[in-house]
Each structure stands twice: as structure tokens, then as C-alpha cells.
Amino acid sequence: MKCISVYTNDFTAFSDILDAIMEHSFAEDEEKEIEGITVSESGHVPENYIDRMKHRPEVVVMKWKDKNVTILQHGQVFEILLPDAEANVVH
């Protein structure tokens, strides 16, 4: 799965830029600032990453079913996890 990291702990700010993030096609290791928030392509994570993170009490797991996207929030970062087939389509 492809991982896009969004460096904020503000859910409202994250929600405000989520559509812009999903419309952007990130190159490998690309970092971009959207409305003052740093967003970066963070490579790929293994399939079991979500299961491992679910067991941590400080992690919030959200599922965006329409887009087949999982979002993890922990500390001061949101991680948008895109299945590999979806990652190649998101623009």
C-alpha cells in the first residue's frame, strides 16, 4: 500500500485539504505544502501495517469506503493508505 503522510494533528485542517491531497499524484518521496500543511509521499507499507497499528491505543483508524482508503491518525500525523491498484489511479 502507498502511504501519504500529512503532518498535522488538526482533524478539521486535515479534512479541509483531503480532497486536494487525493487529487494530487505524488511522485516517490515528493513533499508538498497544502494550505500550510506538509504532505509527503512516504513510500509503501506492508499489508499487515494496518493490523499492527489497530492494536496501538494511541492510533485512530478511519476507513473511507467510497475510495477504498484507510486513514490512520497518531501523534501529529495522518497517514493515508492507498491500495497499490488505487495508488496508480489517484490524480
Protein backbone atom coordinates (compact mmCIF):
# COMPACT_ATOMS: atom_id res chain seq x y z
CA MET A 1 0.00 0.00 0.00
CA LYS A 2 1.15 3.51 -0.79
CA CYS A 3 1.39 5.86 2.20
CA ILE A 4 0.85 9.61 2.10
CA SER A 5 1.76 11.38 5.36
CA VAL A 6 0.02 14.59 6.41
CA TYR A 7 1.81 16.41 9.22
CA THR A 8 -0.89 17.92 11.42
CA ASN A 9 -2.88 16.87 14.46
CA ASP A 10 -5.80 19.12 13.49
CA PHE A 11 -8.60 16.94 12.09
CA THR A 12 -10.51 19.92 10.69
CA ALA A 13 -7.46 21.17 8.78
CA PHE A 14 -6.79 17.64 7.54
CA SER A 15 -10.40 17.28 6.36
CA ASP A 16 -10.23 20.63 4.59
CA ILE A 17 -7.30 19.54 2.41
CA LEU A 18 -8.13 15.85 1.98
CA ASP A 19 -9.74 16.28 -1.45
CA ALA A 20 -6.75 18.30 -2.69
CA ILE A 21 -4.41 15.57 -1.46
CA MET A 22 -6.43 12.86 -3.20
CA GLU A 23 -6.40 14.81 -6.48
CA HIS A 24 -2.61 15.19 -6.46
CA SER A 25 -0.42 12.47 -7.93
CA PHE A 26 2.63 12.24 -5.65
CA ALA A 27 5.97 11.16 -7.04
CA GLU A 28 8.23 8.96 -4.93
CA ASP A 29 9.44 10.88 -1.85
CA GLU A 30 7.69 14.07 -3.03
CA GLU A 31 6.90 16.63 -0.34
CA LYS A 32 4.36 19.39 -0.87
CA GLU A 33 2.76 22.08 1.25
CA ILE A 34 -1.02 22.42 1.00
CA GLU A 35 -2.62 25.31 2.90
CA GLY A 36 0.38 25.46 5.22
CA ILE A 37 0.41 21.73 5.99
CA THR A 38 3.26 19.48 4.87
CA VAL A 39 2.18 16.43 2.89
CA SER A 40 4.61 13.80 1.64
CA GLU A 41 4.69 10.53 -0.22
CA SER A 42 6.13 8.11 2.33
CA GLY A 43 6.66 5.02 0.24
CA HIS A 44 4.92 1.71 0.68
CA VAL A 45 3.86 -0.07 3.84
CA PRO A 46 3.29 -3.84 4.17
CA GLU A 47 -0.24 -5.23 4.07
CA ASN A 48 -0.15 -6.09 7.80
CA TYR A 49 0.71 -2.47 8.76
CA ILE A 50 -2.94 -1.54 9.39
CA ASP A 51 -3.49 -4.59 11.60
CA ARG A 52 -0.38 -3.77 13.63
CA MET A 53 -1.42 -0.13 14.06
CA LYS A 54 -5.00 -1.05 15.08
CA HIS A 55 -3.65 -2.62 18.27
CA ARG A 56 -1.98 0.57 19.46
CA PRO A 57 -4.15 2.61 21.84
CA GLU A 58 -2.88 5.96 20.50
CA VAL A 59 -3.91 5.22 16.89
CA VAL A 60 -7.26 6.13 15.35
CA VAL A 61 -8.21 4.08 12.30
CA MET A 62 -10.69 5.52 9.79
CA LYS A 63 -11.97 3.86 6.62
CA TRP A 64 -13.12 5.87 3.59
CA LYS A 65 -15.17 3.14 1.94
CA ASP A 66 -16.11 5.08 -1.22
CA LYS A 67 -12.43 5.46 -2.08
CA ASN A 68 -11.12 2.17 -0.58
CA VAL A 69 -8.74 4.25 1.54
CA THR A 70 -7.66 3.77 5.16
CA ILE A 71 -6.56 6.75 7.24
CA LEU A 72 -4.53 6.39 10.43
CA GLN A 73 -4.12 9.25 12.88
CA HIS A 74 -1.48 9.14 15.59
CA GLY A 75 0.56 11.83 17.25
CA GLN A 76 0.88 14.76 14.89
CA VAL A 77 0.43 12.84 11.65
CA PHE A 78 -2.31 11.39 9.50
CA GLU A 79 -1.36 8.54 7.18
CA ILE A 80 -3.46 7.97 4.08
CA LEU A 81 -3.05 4.36 2.93
CA LEU A 82 -3.95 3.60 -0.67
CA PRO A 83 -4.08 0.07 -2.08
CA ASP A 84 -1.43 -0.33 -4.78
CA ALA A 85 -4.03 -0.60 -7.56
CA GLU A 86 -5.69 2.61 -6.32
CA ALA A 87 -2.39 4.42 -5.82
CA ASN A 88 -1.70 4.27 -9.54
CA VAL A 89 -5.10 5.77 -10.37
CA VAL A 90 -5.28 8.66 -7.87
CA HIS A 91 -4.60 12.01 -9.58
